[in-house]
Amino acid sequence: MTGPSRRTLLKHASLGAAAAAAAPVLLTGSADADSERDGPTAPGAVVAYVRNQRTGEIAVMAGETEIICHDRALASQLARIAHRATQS
């Protein structure tokens, strides 16, 4: 059994990165609202991808750490963003 092609992997990774970048805007309603939040932030890049939209399973990776969370609303929003990105 072969895995995904390099092109497919890069395409999905770029969509995940775009969706992850949009997540703060989706969660707060505006990019400016993000600057009002207090709390810890990741020291570097954060990548998130939807593993299962139906269950809301999202993998979030920061550094060498991967955390699985479940948020059906966020998974649906990210999937809609990814769909729009593929339509461009």
PDB file of N, CA and C in Angstrom:
ATOM      1  N   MET A   1       0.839  -1.177   0.000  1.00  0.00           N
ATOM      2  CA  MET A   1       0.000   0.000   0.000  1.00  0.00           C
ATOM      3  C   MET A   1       0.891   1.250   0.000  1.00  0.00           C
ATOM      4  N   THR A   2       0.611   2.169  -0.865  1.00  0.00           N
ATOM      5  CA  THR A   2       1.410   3.385  -0.941  1.00  0.00           C
ATOM      6  C   THR A   2       0.701   4.511  -0.218  1.00  0.00           C
ATOM      7  N   GLY A   3       1.478   5.448   0.283  1.00  0.00           N
ATOM      8  CA  GLY A   3       0.932   6.605   0.984  1.00  0.00           C
ATOM      9  C   GLY A   3       0.529   7.683  -0.006  1.00  0.00           C
ATOM     10  N   PRO A   4       0.149   8.826   0.513  1.00  0.00           N
ATOM     11  CA  PRO A   4      -0.232   9.930  -0.376  1.00  0.00           C
ATOM     12  C   PRO A   4       0.976  10.429  -1.170  1.00  0.00           C
ATOM     13  N   SER A   5       0.683  10.967  -2.342  1.00  0.00           N
ATOM     14  CA  SER A   5       1.763  11.502  -3.160  1.00  0.00           C
ATOM     15  C   SER A   5       2.343  12.747  -2.499  1.00  0.00           C
ATOM     16  N   ARG A   6       3.520  13.107  -2.904  1.00  0.00           N
ATOM     17  CA  ARG A   6       4.176  14.304  -2.358  1.00  0.00           C
ATOM     18  C   ARG A   6       3.342  15.546  -2.654  1.00  0.00           C
ATOM     19  N   ARG A   7       2.784  15.598  -3.849  1.00  0.00           N
ATOM     20  CA  ARG A   7       1.950  16.746  -4.237  1.00  0.00           C
ATOM     21  C   ARG A   7       0.709  16.842  -3.338  1.00  0.00           C
ATOM     22  N   THR A   8       0.063  15.702  -3.101  1.00  0.00           N
ATOM     23  CA  THR A   8      -1.119  15.690  -2.239  1.00  0.00           C
ATOM     24  C   THR A   8      -0.765  16.105  -0.822  1.00  0.00           C
ATOM     25  N   LEU A   9       0.343  15.588  -0.319  1.00  0.00           N
ATOM     26  CA  LEU A   9       0.775  15.931   1.030  1.00  0.00           C
ATOM     27  C   LEU A   9       1.041  17.434   1.152  1.00  0.00           C
ATOM     28  N   LEU A  10       1.743  18.010   0.174  1.00  0.00           N
ATOM     29  CA  LEU A  10       2.045  19.442   0.209  1.00  0.00           C
ATOM     30  C   LEU A  10       0.775  20.274   0.092  1.00  0.00           C
ATOM     31  N   LYS A  11      -0.145  19.838  -0.742  1.00  0.00           N
ATOM     32  CA  LYS A  11      -1.412  20.560  -0.912  1.00  0.00           C
ATOM     33  C   LYS A  11      -2.182  20.588   0.398  1.00  0.00           C
ATOM     34  N   HIS A  12      -2.299  19.429   1.046  1.00  0.00           N
ATOM     35  CA  HIS A  12      -3.029  19.356   2.306  1.00  0.00           C
ATOM     36  C   HIS A  12      -2.313  20.115   3.407  1.00  0.00           C
ATOM     37  N   ALA A  13      -1.001  20.063   3.411  1.00  0.00           N
ATOM     38  CA  ALA A  13      -0.240  20.793   4.425  1.00  0.00           C
ATOM     39  C   ALA A  13      -0.437  22.296   4.266  1.00  0.00           C
ATOM     40  N   SER A  14      -0.444  22.775   3.020  1.00  0.00           N
ATOM     41  CA  SER A  14      -0.621  24.211   2.810  1.00  0.00           C
ATOM     42  C   SER A  14      -2.032  24.641   3.171  1.00  0.00           C
ATOM     43  N   LEU A  15      -3.025  23.796   2.904  1.00  0.00           N
ATOM     44  CA  LEU A  15      -4.393  24.127   3.301  1.00  0.00           C
ATOM     45  C   LEU A  15      -4.520  24.138   4.817  1.00  0.00           C
ATOM     46  N   GLY A  16      -3.854  23.183   5.469  1.00  0.00           N
ATOM     47  CA  GLY A  16      -3.880  23.158   6.928  1.00  0.00           C
ATOM     48  C   GLY A  16      -3.222  24.384   7.523  1.00  0.00           C
ATOM     49  N   ALA A  17      -2.112  24.801   6.927  1.00  0.00           N
ATOM     50  CA  ALA A  17      -1.429  25.996   7.424  1.00  0.00           C
ATOM     51  C   ALA A  17      -2.294  27.233   7.225  1.00  0.00           C
ATOM     52  N   ALA A  18      -2.953  27.323   6.078  1.00  0.00           N
ATOM     53  CA  ALA A  18      -3.840  28.468   5.826  1.00  0.00           C
ATOM     54  C   ALA A  18      -5.012  28.460   6.800  1.00  0.00           C
ATOM     55  N   ALA A  19      -5.550  27.296   7.044  1.00  0.00           N
ATOM     56  CA  ALA A  19      -6.671  27.190   7.977  1.00  0.00           C
ATOM     57  C   ALA A  19      -6.231  27.512   9.401  1.00  0.00           C
ATOM     58  N   ALA A  20      -5.043  27.055   9.769  1.00  0.00           N
ATOM     59  CA  ALA A  20      -4.537  27.345  11.112  1.00  0.00           C
ATOM     60  C   ALA A  20      -4.298  28.836  11.293  1.00  0.00           C
ATOM     61  N   ALA A  21      -3.823  29.475  10.245  1.00  0.00           N
ATOM     62  CA  ALA A  21      -3.598  30.918  10.324  1.00  0.00           C
ATOM     63  C   ALA A  21      -4.918  31.668  10.465  1.00  0.00           C
ATOM     64  N   ALA A  22      -5.973  31.130   9.877  1.00  0.00           N
ATOM     65  CA  ALA A  22      -7.284  31.784   9.942  1.00  0.00           C
ATOM     66  C   ALA A  22      -8.020  31.470  11.240  1.00  0.00           C
ATOM     67  N   ALA A  23      -7.615  30.453  11.957  1.00  0.00           N
ATOM     68  CA  ALA A  23      -8.335  30.024  13.159  1.00  0.00           C
ATOM     69  C   ALA A  23      -8.523  31.133  14.189  1.00  0.00           C
ATOM     70  N   PRO A  24      -7.511  31.956  14.524  1.00  0.00           N
ATOM     71  CA  PRO A  24      -7.761  33.022  15.505  1.00  0.00           C
ATOM     72  C   PRO A  24      -8.843  33.998  15.059  1.00  0.00           C
ATOM     73  N   VAL A  25      -8.902  34.270  13.777  1.00  0.00           N
ATOM     74  CA  VAL A  25      -9.928  35.165  13.264  1.00  0.00           C
ATOM     75  C   VAL A  25     -11.296  34.518  13.394  1.00  0.00           C
ATOM     76  N   LEU A  26     -11.360  33.211  13.094  1.00  0.00           N
ATOM     77  CA  LEU A  26     -12.632  32.503  13.203  1.00  0.00           C
ATOM     78  C   LEU A  26     -13.117  32.439  14.641  1.00  0.00           C
ATOM     79  N   LEU A  27     -12.204  32.223  15.546  1.00  0.00           N
ATOM     80  CA  LEU A  27     -12.581  32.060  16.943  1.00  0.00           C
ATOM     81  C   LEU A  27     -12.974  33.376  17.597  1.00  0.00           C
ATOM     82  N   THR A  28     -12.388  34.466  17.172  1.00  0.00           N
ATOM     83  CA  THR A  28     -12.638  35.738  17.838  1.00  0.00           C
ATOM     84  C   THR A  28     -13.502  36.684  17.022  1.00  0.00           C
ATOM     85  N   GLY A  29     -13.598  36.425  15.745  1.00  0.00           N
ATOM     86  CA  GLY A  29     -14.392  37.295  14.897  1.00  0.00           C
ATOM     87  C   GLY A  29     -13.562  38.358  14.210  1.00  0.00           C
ATOM     88  N   SER A  30     -12.368  38.654  14.724  1.00  0.00           N
ATOM     89  CA  SER A  30     -11.492  39.621  14.066  1.00  0.00           C
ATOM     90  C   SER A  30     -10.061  39.390  14.497  1.00  0.00           C
ATOM     91  N   ALA A  31      -9.151  39.792  13.655  1.00  0.00           N
ATOM     92  CA  ALA A  31      -7.729  39.627  13.979  1.00  0.00           C
ATOM     93  C   ALA A  31      -7.332  40.547  15.125  1.00  0.00           C
ATOM     94  N   ASP A  32      -7.982  41.713  15.247  1.00  0.00           N
ATOM     95  CA  ASP A  32      -7.646  42.643  16.319  1.00  0.00           C
ATOM     96  C   ASP A  32      -8.010  42.080  17.681  1.00  0.00           C
ATOM     97  N   ALA A  33      -9.058  41.287  17.741  1.00  0.00           N
ATOM     98  CA  ALA A  33      -9.486  40.723  19.020  1.00  0.00           C
ATOM     99  C   ALA A  33      -8.422  39.781  19.575  1.00  0.00           C
ATOM    100  N   ASP A  34      -7.624  39.168  18.707  1.00  0.00           N
ATOM    101  CA  ASP A  34      -6.586  38.254  19.151  1.00  0.00           C
ATOM    102  C   ASP A  34      -5.563  38.971  20.022  1.00  0.00           C
ATOM    103  N   SER A  35      -5.258  40.219  19.724  1.00  0.00           N
ATOM    104  CA  SER A  35      -4.267  40.953  20.497  1.00  0.00           C
ATOM    105  C   SER A  35      -4.785  41.294  21.893  1.00  0.00           C
ATOM    106  N   GLU A  36      -6.086  41.195  22.104  1.00  0.00           N
ATOM    107  CA  GLU A  36      -6.664  41.497  23.413  1.00  0.00           C
ATOM    108  C   GLU A  36      -6.596  40.315  24.368  1.00  0.00           C
ATOM    109  N   ARG A  37      -6.332  39.119  23.850  1.00  0.00           N
ATOM    110  CA  ARG A  37      -6.292  37.928  24.692  1.00  0.00           C
ATOM    111  C   ARG A  37      -5.003  37.869  25.486  1.00  0.00           C
ATOM    112  N   ASP A  38      -5.119  37.381  26.707  1.00  0.00           N
ATOM    113  CA  ASP A  38      -3.942  37.122  27.526  1.00  0.00           C
ATOM    114  C   ASP A  38      -3.758  35.620  27.593  1.00  0.00           C
ATOM    115  N   GLY A  39      -2.561  35.198  27.875  1.00  0.00           N
ATOM    116  CA  GLY A  39      -2.299  33.784  28.034  1.00  0.00           C
ATOM    117  C   GLY A  39      -1.098  33.364  27.225  1.00  0.00           C
ATOM    118  N   PRO A  40      -0.699  32.110  27.408  1.00  0.00           N
ATOM    119  CA  PRO A  40       0.494  31.621  26.727  1.00  0.00           C
ATOM    120  C   PRO A  40       0.273  31.491  25.224  1.00  0.00           C
ATOM    121  N   THR A  41       1.348  31.669  24.495  1.00  0.00           N
ATOM    122  CA  THR A  41       1.316  31.470  23.049  1.00  0.00           C
ATOM    123  C   THR A  41       2.448  30.524  22.679  1.00  0.00           C
ATOM    124  N   ALA A  42       2.331  29.901  21.530  1.00  0.00           N
ATOM    125  CA  ALA A  42       3.372  28.986  21.069  1.00  0.00           C
ATOM    126  C   ALA A  42       4.613  29.787  20.698  1.00  0.00           C
ATOM    127  N   PRO A  43       5.794  29.271  21.014  1.00  0.00           N
ATOM    128  CA  PRO A  43       7.021  30.010  20.704  1.00  0.00           C
ATOM    129  C   PRO A  43       7.363  30.021  19.215  1.00  0.00           C
ATOM    130  N   GLY A  44       6.741  29.177  18.430  1.00  0.00           N
ATOM    131  CA  GLY A  44       7.038  29.104  16.997  1.00  0.00           C
ATOM    132  C   GLY A  44       5.766  28.827  16.212  1.00  0.00           C
ATOM    133  N   ALA A  45       5.943  28.209  15.070  1.00  0.00           N
ATOM    134  CA  ALA A  45       4.816  27.906  14.194  1.00  0.00           C
ATOM    135  C   ALA A  45       3.891  26.867  14.826  1.00  0.00           C
ATOM    136  N   VAL A  46       2.612  27.010  14.538  1.00  0.00           N
ATOM    137  CA  VAL A  46       1.596  26.054  14.961  1.00  0.00           C
ATOM    138  C   VAL A  46       0.863  25.593  13.709  1.00  0.00           C
ATOM    139  N   VAL A  47       0.706  24.285  13.566  1.00  0.00           N
ATOM    140  CA  VAL A  47      -0.001  23.718  12.427  1.00  0.00           C
ATOM    141  C   VAL A  47      -1.154  22.894  12.967  1.00  0.00           C
ATOM    142  N   ALA A  48      -2.317  23.067  12.363  1.00  0.00           N
ATOM    143  CA  ALA A  48      -3.488  22.284  12.758  1.00  0.00           C
ATOM    144  C   ALA A  48      -4.115  21.693  11.516  1.00  0.00           C
ATOM    145  N   TYR A  49      -4.609  20.477  11.648  1.00  0.00           N
ATOM    146  CA  TYR A  49      -5.353  19.897  10.543  1.00  0.00           C
ATOM    147  C   TYR A  49      -6.514  19.075  11.087  1.00  0.00           C
ATOM    148  N   VAL A  50      -7.566  19.040  10.286  1.00  0.00           N
ATOM    149  CA  VAL A  50      -8.774  18.321  10.666  1.00  0.00           C
ATOM    150  C   VAL A  50      -8.575  16.859  10.298  1.00  0.00           C
ATOM    151  N   ARG A  51      -8.584  16.009  11.303  1.00  0.00           N
ATOM    152  CA  ARG A  51      -8.428  14.576  11.069  1.00  0.00           C
ATOM    153  C   ARG A  51      -9.759  13.938  10.731  1.00  0.00           C
ATOM    154  N   ASN A  52     -10.834  14.439  11.350  1.00  0.00           N
ATOM    155  CA  ASN A  52     -12.163  13.885  11.103  1.00  0.00           C
ATOM    156  C   ASN A  52     -13.183  14.995  11.338  1.00  0.00           C
ATOM    157  N   GLN A  53     -13.730  15.519  10.247  1.00  0.00           N
ATOM    158  CA  GLN A  53     -14.665  16.636  10.379  1.00  0.00           C
ATOM    159  C   GLN A  53     -15.931  16.216  11.122  1.00  0.00           C
ATOM    160  N   ARG A  54     -16.411  15.002  10.877  1.00  0.00           N
ATOM    161  CA  ARG A  54     -17.653  14.545  11.491  1.00  0.00           C
ATOM    162  C   ARG A  54     -17.560  14.516  13.020  1.00  0.00           C
ATOM    163  N   THR A  55     -16.425  14.039  13.534  1.00  0.00           N
ATOM    164  CA  THR A  55     -16.261  13.956  14.988  1.00  0.00           C
ATOM    165  C   THR A  55     -15.623  15.215  15.574  1.00  0.00           C
ATOM    166  N   GLY A  56     -15.101  16.089  14.703  1.00  0.00           N
ATOM    167  CA  GLY A  56     -14.454  17.311  15.165  1.00  0.00           C
ATOM    168  C   GLY A  56     -13.035  17.096  15.637  1.00  0.00           C
ATOM    169  N   GLU A  57     -12.418  15.988  15.237  1.00  0.00           N
ATOM    170  CA  GLU A  57     -11.054  15.685  15.667  1.00  0.00           C
ATOM    171  C   GLU A  57     -10.057  16.545  14.902  1.00  0.00           C
ATOM    172  N   ILE A  58      -9.264  17.311  15.647  1.00  0.00           N
ATOM    173  CA  ILE A  58      -8.271  18.217  15.066  1.00  0.00           C
ATOM    174  C   ILE A  58      -6.922  17.915  15.707  1.00  0.00           C
ATOM    175  N   ALA A  59      -5.904  17.781  14.880  1.00  0.00           N
ATOM    176  CA  ALA A  59      -4.536  17.603  15.378  1.00  0.00           C
ATOM    177  C   ALA A  59      -3.852  18.962  15.349  1.00  0.00           C
ATOM    178  N   VAL A  60      -3.278  19.348  16.470  1.00  0.00           N
ATOM    179  CA  VAL A  60      -2.562  20.621  16.582  1.00  0.00           C
ATOM    180  C   VAL A  60      -1.118  20.286  16.913  1.00  0.00           C
ATOM    181  N   MET A  61      -0.199  20.810  16.085  1.00  0.00           N
ATOM    182  CA  MET A  61       1.213  20.526  16.278  1.00  0.00           C
ATOM    183  C   MET A  61       1.976  21.814  16.519  1.00  0.00           C
ATOM    184  N   ALA A  62       2.788  21.801  17.561  1.00  0.00           N
ATOM    185  CA  ALA A  62       3.660  22.931  17.892  1.00  0.00           C
ATOM    186  C   ALA A  62       5.007  22.340  18.276  1.00  0.00           C
ATOM    187  N   GLY A  63       6.033  22.731  17.546  1.00  0.00           N
ATOM    188  CA  GLY A  63       7.342  22.133  17.786  1.00  0.00           C
ATOM    189  C   GLY A  63       7.288  20.652  17.487  1.00  0.00           C
ATOM    190  N   GLU A  64       7.681  19.841  18.437  1.00  0.00           N
ATOM    191  CA  GLU A  64       7.653  18.391  18.263  1.00  0.00           C
ATOM    192  C   GLU A  64       6.476  17.755  18.976  1.00  0.00           C
ATOM    193  N   THR A  65       5.520  18.575  19.412  1.00  0.00           N
ATOM    194  CA  THR A  65       4.372  18.085  20.171  1.00  0.00           C
ATOM    195  C   THR A  65       3.119  18.091  19.307  1.00  0.00           C
ATOM    196  N   GLU A  66       2.352  17.013  19.391  1.00  0.00           N
ATOM    197  CA  GLU A  66       1.066  16.932  18.711  1.00  0.00           C
ATOM    198  C   GLU A  66      -0.014  16.682  19.753  1.00  0.00           C
ATOM    199  N   ILE A  67      -1.058  17.485  19.713  1.00  0.00           N
ATOM    200  CA  ILE A  67      -2.179  17.337  20.630  1.00  0.00           C
ATOM    201  C   ILE A  67      -3.435  17.142  19.800  1.00  0.00           C
ATOM    202  N   ILE A  68      -4.252  16.189  20.181  1.00  0.00           N
ATOM    203  CA  ILE A  68      -5.522  15.946  19.504  1.00  0.00           C
ATOM    204  C   ILE A  68      -6.629  16.581  20.345  1.00  0.00           C
ATOM    205  N   CYS A  69      -7.435  17.423  19.705  1.00  0.00           N
ATOM    206  CA  CYS A  69      -8.571  18.015  20.404  1.00  0.00           C
ATOM    207  C   CYS A  69      -9.828  17.733  19.588  1.00  0.00           C
ATOM    208  N   HIS A  70     -10.973  17.954  20.184  1.00  0.00           N
ATOM    209  CA  HIS A  70     -12.246  17.736  19.507  1.00  0.00           C
ATOM    210  C   HIS A  70     -13.092  19.004  19.596  1.00  0.00           C
ATOM    211  N   ASP A  71     -13.396  19.555  18.443  1.00  0.00           N
ATOM    212  CA  ASP A  71     -14.229  20.756  18.361  1.00  0.00           C
ATOM    213  C   ASP A  71     -14.939  20.708  17.015  1.00  0.00           C
ATOM    214  N   ARG A  72     -16.176  20.232  17.020  1.00  0.00           N
ATOM    215  CA  ARG A  72     -16.905  20.031  15.760  1.00  0.00           C
ATOM    216  C   ARG A  72     -17.127  21.337  15.016  1.00  0.00           C
ATOM    217  N   ALA A  73     -17.409  22.420  15.727  1.00  0.00           N
ATOM    218  CA  ALA A  73     -17.655  23.708  15.075  1.00  0.00           C
ATOM    219  C   ALA A  73     -16.385  24.208  14.383  1.00  0.00           C
ATOM    220  N   LEU A  74     -15.244  24.148  15.069  1.00  0.00           N
ATOM    221  CA  LEU A  74     -13.984  24.594  14.481  1.00  0.00           C
ATOM    222  C   LEU A  74     -13.598  23.705  13.302  1.00  0.00           C
ATOM    223  N   ALA A  75     -13.779  22.391  13.438  1.00  0.00           N
ATOM    224  CA  ALA A  75     -13.464  21.471  12.339  1.00  0.00           C
ATOM    225  C   ALA A  75     -14.290  21.812  11.101  1.00  0.00           C
ATOM    226  N   SER A  76     -15.557  22.136  11.282  1.00  0.00           N
ATOM    227  CA  SER A  76     -16.420  22.502  10.159  1.00  0.00           C
ATOM    228  C   SER A  76     -15.977  23.819   9.532  1.00  0.00           C
ATOM    229  N   GLN A  77     -15.608  24.791  10.368  1.00  0.00           N
ATOM    230  CA  GLN A  77     -15.140  26.074   9.842  1.00  0.00           C
ATOM    231  C   GLN A  77     -13.864  25.897   9.031  1.00  0.00           C
ATOM    232  N   LEU A  78     -12.922  25.118   9.546  1.00  0.00           N
ATOM    233  CA  LEU A  78     -11.670  24.887   8.836  1.00  0.00           C
ATOM    234  C   LEU A  78     -11.906  24.142   7.530  1.00  0.00           C
ATOM    235  N   ALA A  79     -12.835  23.189   7.537  1.00  0.00           N
ATOM    236  CA  ALA A  79     -13.153  22.456   6.315  1.00  0.00           C
ATOM    237  C   ALA A  79     -13.764  23.380   5.264  1.00  0.00           C
ATOM    238  N   ARG A  80     -14.599  24.319   5.706  1.00  0.00           N
ATOM    239  CA  ARG A  80     -15.178  25.285   4.757  1.00  0.00           C
ATOM    240  C   ARG A  80     -14.096  26.178   4.164  1.00  0.00           C
ATOM    241  N   ILE A  81     -13.154  26.613   4.985  1.00  0.00           N
ATOM    242  CA  ILE A  81     -12.051  27.436   4.491  1.00  0.00           C
ATOM    243  C   ILE A  81     -11.230  26.647   3.469  1.00  0.00           C
ATOM    244  N   ALA A  82     -10.925  25.405   3.782  1.00  0.00           N
ATOM    245  CA  ALA A  82     -10.137  24.569   2.875  1.00  0.00           C
ATOM    246  C   ALA A  82     -10.891  24.360   1.566  1.00  0.00           C
ATOM    247  N   HIS A  83     -12.189  24.180   1.659  1.00  0.00           N
ATOM    248  CA  HIS A  83     -12.991  24.004   0.438  1.00  0.00           C
ATOM    249  C   HIS A  83     -12.935  25.247  -0.428  1.00  0.00           C
ATOM    250  N   ARG A  84     -13.081  26.411   0.195  1.00  0.00           N
ATOM    251  CA  ARG A  84     -13.009  27.670  -0.569  1.00  0.00           C
ATOM    252  C   ARG A  84     -11.635  27.843  -1.198  1.00  0.00           C
ATOM    253  N   ALA A  85     -10.589  27.440  -0.489  1.00  0.00           N
ATOM    254  CA  ALA A  85      -9.227  27.569  -1.015  1.00  0.00           C
ATOM    255  C   ALA A  85      -9.030  26.714  -2.258  1.00  0.00           C
ATOM    256  N   THR A  86      -9.665  25.562  -2.293  1.00  0.00           N
ATOM    257  CA  THR A  86      -9.504  24.682  -3.456  1.00  0.00           C
ATOM    258  C   THR A  86     -10.342  25.155  -4.631  1.00  0.00           C
ATOM    259  N   GLN A  87     -11.300  26.021  -4.386  1.00  0.00           N
ATOM    260  CA  GLN A  87     -12.158  26.536  -5.459  1.00  0.00           C
ATOM    261  C   GLN A  87     -11.532  27.741  -6.167  1.00  0.00           C
ATOM    262  N   SER A  88     -10.489  28.320  -5.592  1.00  0.00           N
ATOM    263  CA  SER A  88      -9.856  29.519  -6.160  1.00  0.00           C
ATOM    264  C   SER A  88      -9.031  29.192  -7.374  1.00  0.00           C
TER     265      SER A  88
END
